[in-house]
Protein backbone atom coordinates (compact mmCIF):
# COMPACT_ATOMS: atom_id res chain seq x y z
CA UNK A 1 0.00 0.00 0.00
CA UNK A 2 1.53 3.28 -1.16
CA UNK A 3 0.83 5.99 1.44
CA UNK A 4 2.03 8.97 -0.63
CA UNK A 5 1.63 9.82 -4.32
CA UNK A 6 2.89 12.89 -6.19
CA UNK A 7 1.32 14.27 -9.38
CA UNK A 8 3.05 16.50 -11.90
CA UNK A 9 1.39 19.61 -13.24
CA UNK A 10 -1.56 19.01 -15.55
CA UNK A 11 -0.40 20.85 -18.65
CA UNK A 12 -3.31 19.81 -20.87
CA UNK A 13 -6.31 20.43 -18.62
CA UNK A 14 -7.65 21.56 -15.26
CA UNK A 15 -7.56 20.07 -11.76
CA UNK A 16 -10.60 19.84 -9.49
CA UNK A 17 -11.08 18.71 -5.89
CA UNK A 18 -14.17 17.10 -4.36
CA UNK A 19 -15.29 16.52 -0.78
CA UNK A 20 -16.57 13.27 0.72
CA UNK A 21 -18.78 11.71 -1.99
CA UNK A 22 -20.30 8.96 0.20
CA UNK A 23 -21.98 7.02 -2.56
CA UNK A 24 -23.55 9.99 -4.34
CA UNK A 25 -22.29 9.25 -7.83
CA UNK A 26 -25.11 10.94 -9.75
CA UNK A 27 -24.70 14.15 -7.79
CA UNK A 28 -20.99 14.15 -8.56
CA UNK A 29 -21.63 13.65 -12.27
CA UNK A 30 -24.17 16.48 -12.24
CA UNK A 31 -21.64 18.86 -10.71
CA UNK A 32 -18.91 17.83 -13.13
CA UNK A 33 -21.27 18.51 -16.01
CA UNK A 34 -21.94 21.97 -14.58
CA UNK A 35 -18.21 22.61 -14.48
CA UNK A 36 -17.79 21.40 -18.07
CA UNK A 37 -15.36 18.76 -16.83
CA UNK A 38 -13.28 17.35 -19.68
CA UNK A 39 -12.87 13.63 -19.03
CA UNK A 40 -9.95 13.44 -21.46
CA UNK A 41 -7.90 16.32 -20.08
CA UNK A 42 -9.06 17.31 -16.59
CA UNK A 43 -8.34 15.54 -13.29
CA UNK A 44 -10.49 15.11 -10.19
CA UNK A 45 -8.90 14.58 -6.77
CA UNK A 46 -11.04 13.22 -3.92
CA UNK A 47 -10.40 13.66 -0.20
CA UNK A 48 -11.67 10.12 0.40
CA UNK A 49 -14.82 8.58 1.88
CA UNK A 50 -16.20 7.82 -1.55
CA UNK A 51 -18.35 5.00 -0.10
CA UNK A 52 -21.15 4.41 2.47
CA UNK A 53 -24.35 6.33 3.32
CA UNK A 54 -25.34 7.02 -0.27
CA UNK A 55 -27.15 4.82 -2.83
CA UNK A 56 -24.45 4.43 -5.50
CA UNK A 57 -21.44 2.95 -3.74
CA UNK A 58 -20.61 0.51 -6.51
CA UNK A 59 -20.37 3.29 -9.11
CA UNK A 60 -18.21 5.34 -6.75
CA UNK A 61 -15.76 2.49 -6.27
CA UNK A 62 -15.59 2.07 -10.04
CA UNK A 63 -14.35 5.66 -10.24
CA UNK A 64 -11.02 4.29 -9.03
CA UNK A 65 -10.67 2.61 -12.43
CA UNK A 66 -11.01 5.91 -14.30
CA UNK A 67 -7.85 7.59 -15.58
CA UNK A 68 -9.11 11.04 -14.50
CA UNK A 69 -10.09 10.20 -10.89
CA UNK A 70 -7.75 9.94 -7.89
CA UNK A 71 -8.82 9.44 -4.27
CA UNK A 72 -7.16 9.56 -0.88
CA UNK A 73 -7.92 6.84 1.61
CA UNK A 74 -10.80 7.84 3.88
CA UNK A 75 -11.74 6.27 7.19
CA UNK A 76 -14.67 4.47 5.54
CA UNK A 77 -12.36 2.88 2.96
CA UNK A 78 -9.93 2.00 5.74
CA UNK A 79 -12.73 0.24 7.64
CA UNK A 80 -13.63 -1.74 4.53
CA UNK A 81 -10.02 -2.83 4.05
CA UNK A 82 -9.83 -3.93 7.69
CA UNK A 83 -13.20 -5.66 7.72
CA UNK A 84 -12.96 -7.44 4.38
CA UNK A 85 -9.26 -8.09 3.76
CA UNK A 86 -8.19 -8.64 7.37
CA UNK A 87 -11.43 -10.01 8.86
CA UNK A 88 -11.51 -7.34 11.56
CA UNK A 89 -14.97 -7.76 13.07
CA UNK A 90 -14.85 -4.38 14.81
CA UNK A 91 -14.03 -2.54 11.59
CA UNK A 92 -16.79 -4.35 9.74
CA UNK A 93 -19.36 -3.63 12.46
CA UNK A 94 -18.37 0.04 12.62
CA UNK A 95 -18.69 0.42 8.87
CA UNK A 96 -22.11 -1.24 8.82
CA UNK A 97 -23.28 1.14 11.56
CA UNK A 98 -22.20 4.15 9.51
CA UNK A 99 -23.75 3.55 6.13
CA UNK A 100 -22.13 0.27 5.12
CA UNK A 101 -25.22 -1.95 4.90
CA UNK A 102 -25.01 -1.80 1.11
CA UNK A 103 -22.23 -4.39 1.36
CA UNK A 104 -24.81 -7.01 2.40
CA UNK A 105 -26.00 -7.04 -1.23
CA UNK A 106 -22.67 -8.42 -2.47
CA UNK A 107 -20.76 -11.66 -1.92
CA UNK A 108 -17.38 -11.81 -0.22
CA UNK A 109 -15.47 -12.28 -3.48
CA UNK A 110 -16.85 -9.06 -4.91
CA UNK A 111 -16.20 -7.14 -1.69
CA UNK A 112 -12.66 -8.50 -1.61
CA UNK A 113 -12.05 -7.33 -5.17
CA UNK A 114 -13.27 -3.83 -4.30
CA UNK A 115 -11.28 -3.67 -1.06
CA UNK A 116 -8.13 -4.71 -2.92
CA UNK A 117 -8.77 -2.03 -5.53
CA UNK A 118 -9.09 0.59 -2.79
CA UNK A 119 -5.95 -0.63 -1.04
CA UNK A 120 -3.92 -0.51 -4.25
CA UNK A 121 -5.10 2.89 -5.50
CA UNK A 122 -5.86 5.11 -2.49
CA UNK A 123 -2.87 6.66 -0.67
CA UNK A 124 -3.04 8.54 2.62
CA UNK A 125 -1.83 11.72 0.93
CA UNK A 126 -1.51 13.14 -2.56
CA UNK A 127 0.63 16.08 -3.68
CA UNK A 128 -0.34 18.02 -6.79
CA UNK A 129 1.88 20.46 -8.64
CA UNK A 130 -0.49 23.22 -9.75
CA UNK A 131 2.20 25.23 -11.48
CA UNK A 132 2.93 28.04 -9.08
CA UNK A 133 1.78 26.24 -5.92
CA UNK A 134 1.86 22.83 -4.28
CA UNK A 135 -1.48 21.43 -3.15
CA UNK A 136 -1.73 18.56 -0.69
CA UNK A 137 -4.79 16.34 -0.39
CA UNK A 138 -5.47 14.15 2.61
CA UNK A 139 -8.62 12.86 4.24
CA UNK A 140 -8.18 14.67 7.53
CA UNK A 141 -5.14 15.84 9.48
CA UNK A 142 -1.53 16.23 8.41
CA UNK A 143 0.78 14.38 10.79
CA UNK A 144 2.82 16.84 12.84
CA UNK A 145 1.25 19.73 10.89
CA UNK A 146 4.14 19.15 8.48
CA UNK A 147 3.68 17.99 4.91
CA UNK A 148 7.19 16.54 4.88
CA UNK A 149 6.01 14.04 7.50
CA UNK A 150 3.15 12.94 5.24
CA UNK A 151 5.65 12.16 2.49
CA UNK A 152 7.25 9.57 4.80
CA UNK A 153 4.13 8.53 6.73
CA UNK A 154 4.26 5.24 8.61
CA UNK A 155 1.32 2.85 8.64
CA UNK A 156 1.19 3.17 12.44
CA UNK A 157 0.37 6.89 12.03
CA UNK A 158 -2.51 6.34 9.64
CA UNK A 159 -5.35 5.89 12.15
CA UNK A 160 -4.66 9.24 13.79
CA UNK A 161 -4.49 10.98 10.41
CA UNK A 162 -7.87 9.55 9.43
CA UNK A 163 -9.82 10.04 12.67
CA UNK A 164 -8.40 12.92 14.77
CA UNK A 165 -10.70 15.99 14.64
CA UNK A 166 -8.87 18.34 17.04
CA UNK A 167 -7.54 20.72 14.39
CA UNK A 168 -10.94 21.02 12.71
CA UNK A 169 -12.69 21.67 16.03
CA UNK A 170 -10.15 24.36 16.89
CA UNK A 171 -10.63 26.11 13.56
CA UNK A 172 -14.41 25.84 13.78
CA UNK A 173 -14.37 27.45 17.23
CA UNK A 174 -12.37 30.40 15.92
CA UNK A 175 -9.12 29.45 17.64
CA UNK A 176 -5.89 30.24 15.84
CA UNK A 177 -4.20 27.23 14.26
CA UNK A 178 -0.70 27.02 12.85
CA UNK A 179 -0.18 26.64 9.09
CA UNK A 180 0.82 23.28 7.69
CA UNK A 181 4.55 23.46 6.96
CA UNK A 182 6.20 22.72 3.60
CA UNK A 183 3.08 22.96 1.45
CA UNK A 184 1.04 25.85 0.08
CA UNK A 185 -2.45 24.45 0.66
CA UNK A 186 -3.97 21.25 2.04
CA UNK A 187 -7.47 20.13 1.06
CA UNK A 188 -9.24 17.72 3.41
CA UNK A 189 -12.64 16.25 4.25
CA UNK A 190 -13.89 13.93 7.02
CA UNK A 191 -15.31 16.73 9.16
CA UNK A 192 -18.89 17.58 8.27
CA UNK A 193 -19.52 21.29 7.69
CA UNK A 194 -22.20 23.45 6.09
CA UNK A 195 -19.64 25.34 4.03
CA UNK A 196 -15.89 25.23 3.54
CA UNK A 197 -13.99 25.65 6.83
CA UNK A 198 -10.50 27.15 6.75
CA UNK A 199 -7.72 26.32 9.22
CA UNK A 200 -4.78 28.50 8.15
CA UNK A 201 -3.58 26.94 4.88
CA UNK A 202 -5.86 23.91 5.19
CA UNK A 203 -9.48 23.77 4.04
CA UNK A 204 -12.15 21.21 4.91
CA UNK A 205 -14.69 20.58 2.15
CA UNK A 206 -16.96 17.79 3.47
CA UNK A 207 -20.23 19.69 2.94
CA UNK A 208 -22.50 16.83 1.81
CA UNK A 209 -23.69 15.61 5.21
CA UNK A 210 -24.59 18.95 6.84
CA UNK A 211 -24.70 21.27 3.85
CA UNK A 212 -26.61 18.72 1.72
CA UNK A 213 -24.43 19.43 -1.31
CA UNK A 214 -21.11 18.24 -2.63
CA UNK A 215 -18.29 20.74 -2.90
CA UNK A 216 -16.23 20.71 -6.08
CA UNK A 217 -13.46 23.31 -6.33
CA UNK A 218 -11.06 24.07 -9.13
CA UNK A 219 -7.40 24.47 -8.19
CA UNK A 220 -7.76 28.23 -8.63
CA UNK A 221 -10.80 28.38 -6.36
CA UNK A 222 -9.07 26.28 -3.71
CA UNK A 223 -5.89 28.35 -3.80
CA UNK A 224 -7.92 31.50 -3.17
CA UNK A 225 -8.13 30.26 0.45
CA UNK A 226 -4.32 30.13 0.73
Foldseek 3Di string as FASTA:
>chain_A
DAQEAEAEAQPQDFEKEWEQQAQVVVQVVVVCVVVVPDLVRYAYEYQENNHFDYDHRVVSLCVLVRPRYAYAHALLLVLLLCCQVVVDPVSVVVNCVGGNPVCVVDDSVVSVVSSVSCVVGHHQKYWYCNPPFIEIHGAADDVVLEVVCSNVDDPVCRVCRRDPCVQVVCQVVVHADDHRPPGQAYEHENDEDLQWTDHQRYIYQHDCPPVVHMDMGIPVRSSVSD
